[in-house]
Protein backbone atom coordinates (compact mmCIF):
# COMPACT_ATOMS: atom_id res chain seq x y z
CA MET A 1 7.65 13.03 44.54
CA LEU A 2 7.45 9.22 44.66
CA PHE A 3 4.75 9.17 42.04
CA PHE A 4 7.25 10.46 39.43
CA ILE A 5 9.53 7.41 39.98
CA PRO A 6 8.99 4.57 37.55
CA PRO A 7 7.13 1.62 39.20
CA ILE A 8 10.17 -0.73 39.15
CA GLY A 9 12.31 1.98 40.71
CA PHE A 10 9.72 2.68 43.37
CA ILE A 11 9.58 -1.05 44.27
CA LEU A 12 13.36 -1.34 44.53
CA LEU A 13 13.53 1.86 46.64
CA LEU A 14 10.82 0.59 48.98
CA ALA A 15 12.49 -2.80 49.21
CA GLY A 16 15.81 -1.27 50.20
CA ILE A 17 14.12 0.88 52.86
CA LEU A 18 12.35 -2.21 54.30
CA VAL A 19 15.56 -4.27 54.34
CA ALA A 20 17.38 -1.44 56.11
CA VAL A 21 14.64 -1.12 58.66
CA LEU A 22 14.62 -4.90 59.33
CA GLU A 23 18.44 -4.92 59.82
CA ALA A 24 18.18 -2.06 62.23
CA ILE A 25 15.48 -3.76 64.25
CA ASN A 26 17.52 -6.95 64.29
CA LYS A 27 20.59 -5.14 65.61
CA LEU A 28 18.55 -3.31 68.27
CA GLY A 29 16.89 -6.51 69.45
CA ASN A 30 20.15 -8.46 69.62
CA LYS A 31 22.70 -6.43 71.62
CA GLN A 32 24.99 -9.43 72.01
CA GLN A 33 27.58 -10.32 69.32
CA SER A 34 26.33 -12.46 66.48
CA PRO A 35 27.90 -15.94 65.90
CA ARG A 36 29.75 -14.58 62.97
CA GLN A 37 31.29 -11.74 65.09
CA VAL A 38 32.22 -14.29 67.78
CA ILE A 39 34.03 -16.53 65.25
CA GLU A 40 35.79 -13.55 63.64
CA THR A 41 37.06 -12.46 67.07
CA GLU A 42 38.16 -16.02 67.89
CA LEU A 43 40.03 -16.20 64.59
CA LEU A 44 42.06 -13.25 65.57
CA ARG A 45 43.01 -14.87 68.93
CA VAL A 46 43.73 -18.48 67.81
CA THR A 47 47.14 -19.23 66.41
CA ASP A 48 46.75 -23.02 65.83
CA PRO A 49 46.35 -23.63 62.08
CA GLN A 50 43.95 -26.56 62.54
CA GLN A 51 41.70 -24.50 64.84
CA GLN A 52 41.86 -21.62 62.40
CA GLN A 53 40.72 -24.02 59.57
CA VAL A 54 37.74 -25.23 61.67
CA LEU A 55 36.71 -21.68 62.59
CA GLN A 56 37.06 -20.59 58.93
CA THR A 57 34.74 -23.39 57.78
CA ARG A 58 32.18 -22.43 60.45
CA LEU A 59 32.47 -18.77 59.46
CA GLU A 60 31.87 -19.58 55.79
CA GLY A 61 28.69 -21.53 56.66
CA ILE A 62 27.43 -18.71 58.82
CA ARG A 63 28.00 -16.21 55.95
CA GLN A 64 26.07 -18.35 53.54
CA GLN A 65 23.20 -18.62 56.01
CA GLU A 66 23.17 -14.87 56.43
CA GLY A 67 23.18 -14.44 52.65
CA ARG A 68 20.17 -16.69 52.29
CA THR A 69 18.42 -14.78 55.09
CA LEU A 70 19.17 -11.45 53.40
CA LEU A 71 17.77 -12.79 50.08
CA VAL A 72 14.57 -13.84 51.80
CA LYS A 73 14.26 -10.39 53.34
CA ILE A 74 14.76 -8.73 49.93
CA VAL A 75 12.15 -10.88 48.28
CA ALA A 76 9.68 -10.16 51.14
CA ALA A 77 10.38 -6.51 50.81
CA ILE A 78 9.80 -6.59 47.06
CA VAL A 79 6.47 -8.35 47.51
CA ILE A 80 5.45 -5.81 50.11
CA GLY A 81 6.44 -3.02 47.75
CA VAL A 82 4.38 -4.54 44.89
CA LEU A 83 1.40 -4.73 47.13
CA VAL A 84 1.80 -1.12 48.29
CA LEU A 85 2.21 0.15 44.75
CA ALA A 86 -0.90 -1.73 43.66
CA ALA A 87 -2.90 -0.26 46.52
CA LEU A 88 -1.70 3.25 45.62
CA SER A 89 -2.44 2.83 41.97
CA HIS A 90 -5.98 1.45 42.69
CA GLY A 91 -6.69 4.32 45.09
CA GLY A 92 -5.38 6.93 42.60
CA SER A 93 -7.45 5.55 39.69
CA GLY A 94 -10.58 5.57 41.91
CA SER A 95 -10.06 9.17 43.04
CA ASN A 96 -9.35 10.47 39.50
CA SER A 97 -12.26 8.80 37.78
CA LYS A 98 -14.79 11.11 36.06
CA PRO A 99 -18.52 10.82 36.44
CA THR A 100 -20.12 8.82 33.60
CA GLU A 101 -22.87 10.13 31.51
CA LYS A 102 -26.33 9.04 32.67
CA SER A 103 -29.33 8.44 30.52
CA GLY A 104 -30.91 11.72 29.57
CA THR A 105 -28.15 13.79 31.33
CA GLU A 106 -25.38 15.66 29.50
CA LEU A 107 -22.03 16.40 31.04
CA PRO A 108 -21.02 20.03 31.42
CA ALA A 109 -19.65 21.66 28.29
CA SER A 110 -16.20 21.92 29.89
CA GLU A 111 -16.00 18.11 30.29
CA ASN A 112 -17.18 17.27 26.73
CA PRO A 113 -14.30 15.96 24.57
CA PRO A 114 -13.35 18.25 21.68
CA THR A 115 -14.55 17.22 18.25
CA PRO A 116 -11.52 16.24 16.05
CA THR A 117 -11.07 18.30 12.93
CA PRO A 118 -11.05 16.14 9.84
CA VAL A 119 -7.82 16.28 7.83
CA LEU A 120 -8.04 15.91 4.01
CA LEU A 121 -5.17 13.95 2.61
CA ALA A 122 -4.12 14.29 -0.96
CA THR A 123 -4.75 11.15 -3.07
CA PRO A 124 -1.55 10.04 -4.78
CA THR A 125 -1.80 10.14 -8.54
CA PRO A 126 -0.40 7.12 -10.38
CA GLU A 127 2.77 7.94 -12.30
CA ALA A 128 2.41 8.19 -16.08
CA ASP A 129 4.99 8.35 -18.81
CA SER A 130 5.89 11.63 -20.46
CA MET A 131 3.45 11.00 -23.38
CA THR A 132 0.34 10.82 -21.27
CA GLN A 133 1.43 13.68 -19.06
CA ALA A 134 2.53 16.16 -21.69
CA SER A 135 -0.81 16.82 -23.36
CA SER A 136 -4.36 15.54 -23.08
CA THR A 137 -4.59 14.47 -26.74
CA GLU A 138 -0.93 13.75 -27.46
CA PHE A 139 -1.13 10.04 -26.50
CA ILE A 140 -4.19 9.14 -28.59
CA GLU A 141 -2.97 11.26 -31.50
CA THR A 142 0.40 9.46 -31.43
CA LEU A 143 -1.31 6.08 -31.16
CA ASN A 144 -3.48 6.87 -34.24
CA GLY A 145 -0.29 7.80 -36.10
CA TRP A 146 1.18 4.34 -35.26
CA LEU A 147 -1.93 2.72 -36.74
CA ASP A 148 -1.85 4.82 -39.86
CA ASN A 149 1.84 4.15 -40.44
CA HIS A 150 1.66 0.41 -39.61
CA ASP A 151 4.17 0.99 -36.71
CA TRP A 152 3.57 -2.27 -34.89
CA GLN A 153 6.88 -1.93 -32.94
CA SER A 154 5.78 1.17 -31.07
CA LEU A 155 2.24 -0.14 -30.43
CA THR A 156 3.30 -3.55 -29.09
CA GLN A 157 5.79 -1.93 -26.71
CA ARG A 158 2.72 -0.72 -24.81
CA THR A 159 0.05 -3.40 -25.46
CA VAL A 160 -0.19 -6.11 -22.76
CA SER A 161 0.23 -9.34 -24.77
CA GLY A 162 -2.59 -11.81 -24.17
CA LYS A 163 -4.80 -9.27 -22.38
CA VAL A 164 -5.67 -6.75 -25.16
CA ASN A 165 -9.15 -6.24 -26.57
CA TYR A 166 -7.97 -5.40 -30.06
CA PHE A 167 -10.87 -3.96 -32.05
CA GLY A 168 -13.31 -6.64 -30.87
CA HIS A 169 -10.69 -9.47 -30.73
CA ARG A 170 -10.33 -10.43 -27.09
CA HIS A 171 -7.09 -11.51 -25.37
CA CYS A 172 -4.94 -10.78 -28.40
CA SER A 173 -1.19 -11.38 -28.32
CA ASN A 174 1.42 -8.90 -29.59
CA VAL A 175 2.27 -11.52 -32.32
CA PHE A 176 -1.34 -11.25 -33.64
CA ILE A 177 -1.14 -7.48 -33.63
CA GLU A 178 2.21 -7.44 -35.45
CA GLN A 179 1.00 -9.82 -38.18
CA ASP A 180 -2.28 -7.77 -38.70
CA MET A 181 -0.38 -4.47 -39.06
CA LEU A 182 2.16 -6.01 -41.43
CA GLN A 183 -0.66 -7.28 -43.59
CA ASP A 184 -2.18 -3.73 -43.65
CA ALA A 185 1.15 -2.37 -44.89
CA LYS A 186 0.85 -4.64 -47.84
CA ASN A 187 -2.79 -3.94 -48.62
CA TYR A 188 -2.93 -0.13 -48.30
CA VAL A 189 -0.98 2.51 -50.22
CA SER A 190 -2.32 5.74 -48.64
CA VAL A 191 -3.80 6.63 -45.21
CA LYS A 192 -4.75 10.14 -44.11
CA SER A 193 -6.37 11.16 -40.86
CA THR A 194 -7.85 14.43 -39.50
CA ILE A 195 -8.17 14.61 -35.71
CA TYR A 196 -10.69 16.84 -33.93
CA PRO A 197 -9.12 17.76 -30.56
CA ASP A 198 -12.25 19.50 -29.31
CA THR A 199 -14.03 16.05 -29.21
CA PHE A 200 -11.47 14.58 -26.84
CA THR A 201 -12.70 13.02 -23.56
CA ARG A 202 -10.90 11.19 -20.75
CA THR A 203 -12.68 8.98 -18.13
CA VAL A 204 -11.55 6.49 -15.49
CA GLY A 205 -13.57 3.27 -15.22
CA SER A 206 -14.36 1.39 -12.04
CA ASP A 207 -11.67 -1.11 -12.99
CA GLY A 208 -9.03 1.72 -12.71
CA ILE A 209 -8.45 1.83 -16.49
CA THR A 210 -8.27 5.26 -18.17
CA TYR A 211 -10.19 5.66 -21.41
CA ASP A 212 -9.20 8.37 -23.95
CA GLU A 213 -11.62 8.98 -26.85
CA ILE A 214 -11.52 11.33 -29.87
CA ASN A 215 -13.21 11.79 -33.26
CA ILE A 216 -11.05 11.10 -36.28
CA GLU A 217 -11.95 11.56 -39.95
CA SER A 218 -9.92 9.01 -41.89
CA GLU A 219 -9.33 8.27 -45.58
CA ALA A 220 -7.59 5.12 -46.74
CA ILE A 221 -6.93 3.75 -50.26
CA GLU A 222 -6.21 0.06 -50.99
CA ARG A 223 -3.80 -1.08 -53.63
CA THR A 224 -6.84 -2.22 -55.66
CA GLY A 225 -7.98 1.36 -55.68
CA ARG A 226 -10.83 0.87 -53.25
CA ARG A 227 -11.40 4.01 -51.13
CA HIS A 228 -12.53 4.26 -47.47
CA HIS A 229 -13.67 7.55 -45.95
CA ALA A 230 -15.60 7.98 -42.66
CA LEU A 231 -15.85 9.89 -39.38
CA THR A 232 -15.01 7.55 -36.49
CA ARG A 233 -14.50 7.69 -32.76
CA LEU A 234 -11.39 5.94 -31.48
CA THR A 235 -11.11 4.71 -27.89
CA VAL A 236 -7.96 3.51 -26.12
CA GLY A 237 -8.04 2.01 -22.64
CA TYR A 238 -4.75 2.03 -20.67
CA THR A 239 -3.14 2.21 -17.26
CA SER A 240 0.11 3.69 -16.00
CA GLU A 241 2.26 1.01 -14.25
CA ASN A 242 5.61 2.00 -12.81
CA GLY A 243 5.72 5.10 -15.03
CA GLU A 244 4.91 3.11 -18.25
CA THR A 245 1.65 3.20 -20.21
CA LYS A 246 0.09 -0.22 -20.72
CA ILE A 247 -2.75 -0.58 -23.31
CA TYR A 248 -5.56 -3.06 -22.62
CA ALA A 249 -8.22 -1.96 -25.12
CA LEU A 250 -8.59 -0.49 -28.62
CA VAL A 251 -12.16 0.19 -29.66
CA LEU A 252 -13.69 1.89 -32.77
CA LYS A 253 -17.13 3.30 -33.61
CA VAL A 254 -18.17 4.63 -37.03
CA LEU A 255 -20.07 7.91 -36.69
CA ALA A 256 -20.60 8.63 -40.39
CA ASP A 257 -19.54 6.69 -43.49
CA HIS A 258 -18.64 8.99 -46.47
CA SER A 259 -17.40 6.16 -48.77
CA LYS A 260 -18.99 5.18 -51.97
CA LYS A 261 -20.83 1.87 -52.01
CA ALA A 262 -18.27 -0.61 -50.77
CA GLU A 263 -17.19 -3.48 -52.99
CA PRO A 264 -16.82 -7.05 -51.66
CA VAL A 265 -13.48 -7.78 -50.14
CA ALA A 266 -12.28 -11.48 -49.79
CA THR A 267 -9.88 -10.89 -46.81
CA PRO A 268 -10.81 -7.90 -44.65
CA SER A 269 -8.15 -5.96 -42.76
CA LEU A 270 -8.24 -4.85 -39.13
CA THR A 271 -5.93 -1.97 -38.38
CA VAL A 272 -4.75 0.16 -41.28
CA SER A 273 -6.71 3.19 -40.06
CA ALA A 274 -9.82 4.09 -38.10
CA LEU A 275 -11.94 3.70 -41.27
CA ALA A 276 -10.29 0.61 -42.78
CA ARG A 277 -10.70 -1.26 -39.48
CA THR A 278 -14.46 -1.07 -39.77
CA HIS A 279 -15.16 -1.41 -43.45
CA HIS A 280 -14.60 -5.10 -43.53
CA HIS A 281 -17.80 -5.29 -41.40
CA GLN A 282 -19.73 -3.11 -43.89
CA ALA A 283 -19.32 -4.69 -47.36
CA ASP A 284 -22.29 -4.10 -49.73
CA THR A 285 -23.98 -1.59 -47.27
CA GLU A 286 -25.23 1.95 -47.93
CA SER A 287 -23.47 5.02 -46.48
CA THR A 288 -24.12 6.47 -43.06
CA SER A 289 -24.23 3.05 -41.45
CA GLN A 290 -23.86 2.94 -37.70
CA GLN A 291 -21.79 -0.04 -36.45
CA THR A 292 -19.59 -0.54 -33.42
CA ASP A 293 -16.78 -2.90 -32.55
CA THR A 294 -17.58 -3.86 -28.95
CA ALA A 295 -14.89 -3.66 -26.28
CA GLY A 296 -15.67 -6.96 -24.53
CA ALA A 297 -13.67 -8.20 -21.57
CA LEU A 298 -10.39 -6.40 -21.07
CA ARG A 299 -8.58 -9.10 -19.25
């Protein structure tokens, strides 16, 4: 039963037993009255106040001496208890030790530790806003609508200013994007797009950025009457941060150019539509040219 008592409790219990045993031995060995008992008896007999005062002082000194003696006995008992407990612990650990595995020898099957069963934990999915959660193609279709309608306010609410790869222009600010789209609104009178949902893909890069891609056939007409018509592939790179979509890259690749021979343009535009954003790189070229705006560094 003693092994179920906490170590400190066992030590105190053993110390108390030892102190009691020492006191009993002391009383048995000394059958005469102790000095304290003699003085206490004398105090009851003496009536002189001065003698009583002297006896009281002596009695107080004897009590202090007995208290110090008792303290020494308690400390000694605690030390003995600690030594006994250490001896018991060492003996118990030695008797309960299991045989170790020797070279070339296996322990019995009953002593082999069980193999832990792996637990598969679900990987938390980053929160996304309602637009990227609702439908696979809804986000990139909505983004293409912003570009076609020159809606720079909606786009710059999600682009990370100073860190955007904006159709080959690295580290663009939202001010640059706003000015470019406002210029498109002045230069183009009509923009139409046809999106092919079956060409949509979504991948996640090693940098943690999600890339949505889709084929778009776009037709844009400038105020000068110049017509742009091509099949392109639009790519948007983004992340979901605290439930909000943050855009870091907008990239475009021309798959097939259906426009007539392009006429020279003094000041090319960047964003009016998927087609118009690439034709300023293709002045005086034949149809079906294959050209790509590279993504470059995202941040």
